[in-house]
């Protein structure tokens, strides 16, 4: 019998930190080239699920956009980064 790992509220800060790291890595990757969600995931060593969950969050604050199935990034402003951080904290609560 395989037991699935359990998570607790004490894991929340680690999940937020990982989410922020993936968001940063995705944004940095897309600043250098346009890519699909799956291609972005492979490039940064994340799962497709992580990329597909993170890209819309980045899009919501104006850091990336989807055109014809490919994502591209815009240079970040401090306001956008703060909005992303606020969204990460709210989403993990």
Protein backbone atom coordinates (compact mmCIF):
# COMPACT_ATOMS: atom_id res chain seq x y z
CA UNK A 1 0.00 0.00 0.00
CA UNK A 2 1.33 3.38 -0.99
CA UNK A 3 0.63 6.27 1.31
CA UNK A 4 0.27 9.69 -0.19
CA UNK A 5 2.19 12.47 1.47
CA UNK A 6 0.05 14.64 3.67
CA UNK A 7 0.26 18.38 3.86
CA UNK A 8 -0.54 20.60 6.77
CA UNK A 9 -0.91 24.29 7.34
CA UNK A 10 2.72 24.31 8.47
CA UNK A 11 3.64 23.53 4.83
CA UNK A 12 1.93 26.72 3.60
CA UNK A 13 5.01 29.01 3.79
CA UNK A 14 7.06 26.47 1.81
CA UNK A 15 4.31 26.15 -0.82
CA UNK A 16 4.14 29.95 -1.17
CA UNK A 17 7.92 30.15 -1.54
CA UNK A 18 7.93 27.43 -4.23
CA UNK A 19 5.02 29.13 -6.03
CA UNK A 20 6.96 32.39 -6.06
CA UNK A 21 10.10 30.69 -7.32
CA UNK A 22 8.20 29.04 -10.16
CA UNK A 23 6.49 32.30 -11.06
CA UNK A 24 9.86 34.05 -11.18
CA UNK A 25 11.42 31.24 -13.26
CA UNK A 26 8.48 31.20 -15.68
CA UNK A 27 8.64 34.97 -16.13
CA UNK A 28 12.42 34.93 -16.63
CA UNK A 29 12.14 32.12 -19.20
CA UNK A 30 9.41 33.90 -21.13
CA UNK A 31 11.40 37.14 -21.23
CA UNK A 32 13.92 35.31 -23.42
CA UNK A 33 11.47 33.53 -25.75
CA UNK A 34 7.82 32.77 -26.35
CA UNK A 35 6.79 29.25 -25.41
CA UNK A 36 3.86 26.96 -24.73
CA UNK A 37 2.87 26.12 -21.16
CA UNK A 38 4.34 22.63 -21.54
CA UNK A 39 7.56 23.95 -23.07
CA UNK A 40 7.88 26.48 -20.29
CA UNK A 41 7.37 23.77 -17.67
CA UNK A 42 10.11 21.64 -19.22
CA UNK A 43 12.48 24.59 -19.48
CA UNK A 44 12.23 25.44 -15.78
CA UNK A 45 11.95 21.89 -14.46
CA UNK A 46 8.34 22.18 -13.28
CA UNK A 47 5.28 20.08 -13.97
CA UNK A 48 2.82 21.03 -16.69
CA UNK A 49 0.23 21.49 -13.94
CA UNK A 50 2.42 24.02 -12.16
CA UNK A 51 2.95 26.02 -15.34
CA UNK A 52 -0.73 25.90 -16.30
CA UNK A 53 -1.70 27.05 -12.81
CA UNK A 54 0.95 29.80 -12.60
CA UNK A 55 0.67 31.35 -16.07
CA UNK A 56 -2.88 32.71 -15.56
CA UNK A 57 -1.74 34.30 -12.26
CA UNK A 58 1.10 36.00 -14.11
CA UNK A 59 -1.32 37.07 -16.83
CA UNK A 60 -3.75 38.52 -14.27
CA UNK A 61 -1.13 41.01 -13.09
CA UNK A 62 0.07 41.81 -16.62
CA UNK A 63 3.42 40.01 -16.58
CA UNK A 64 2.66 37.58 -19.42
CA UNK A 65 0.19 37.23 -22.26
CA UNK A 66 -1.07 34.35 -24.37
CA UNK A 67 -1.11 34.73 -28.15
CA UNK A 68 -1.93 31.84 -30.42
CA UNK A 69 -1.14 29.17 -27.84
CA UNK A 70 2.24 30.66 -26.91
CA UNK A 71 3.08 32.72 -23.86
CA UNK A 72 5.33 35.77 -23.81
CA UNK A 73 6.44 38.02 -20.96
CA UNK A 74 6.51 41.76 -20.41
CA UNK A 75 9.13 43.48 -18.26
CA UNK A 76 7.95 43.60 -14.67
CA UNK A 77 7.14 46.71 -12.69
CA UNK A 78 7.32 46.86 -8.92
CA UNK A 79 3.52 47.22 -8.75
CA UNK A 80 3.05 44.04 -10.79
CA UNK A 81 5.46 42.10 -8.60
CA UNK A 82 3.68 43.30 -5.46
CA UNK A 83 0.31 42.30 -6.94
CA UNK A 84 1.68 38.87 -7.78
CA UNK A 85 3.04 38.43 -4.26
CA UNK A 86 -0.29 39.47 -2.75
CA UNK A 87 -2.09 36.98 -4.99
CA UNK A 88 0.32 34.18 -4.01
CA UNK A 89 -0.29 34.81 -0.31
CA UNK A 90 -4.07 34.92 -0.76
CA UNK A 91 -4.16 31.79 -2.91
CA UNK A 92 -2.23 29.73 -0.37
CA UNK A 93 -4.36 30.72 2.61
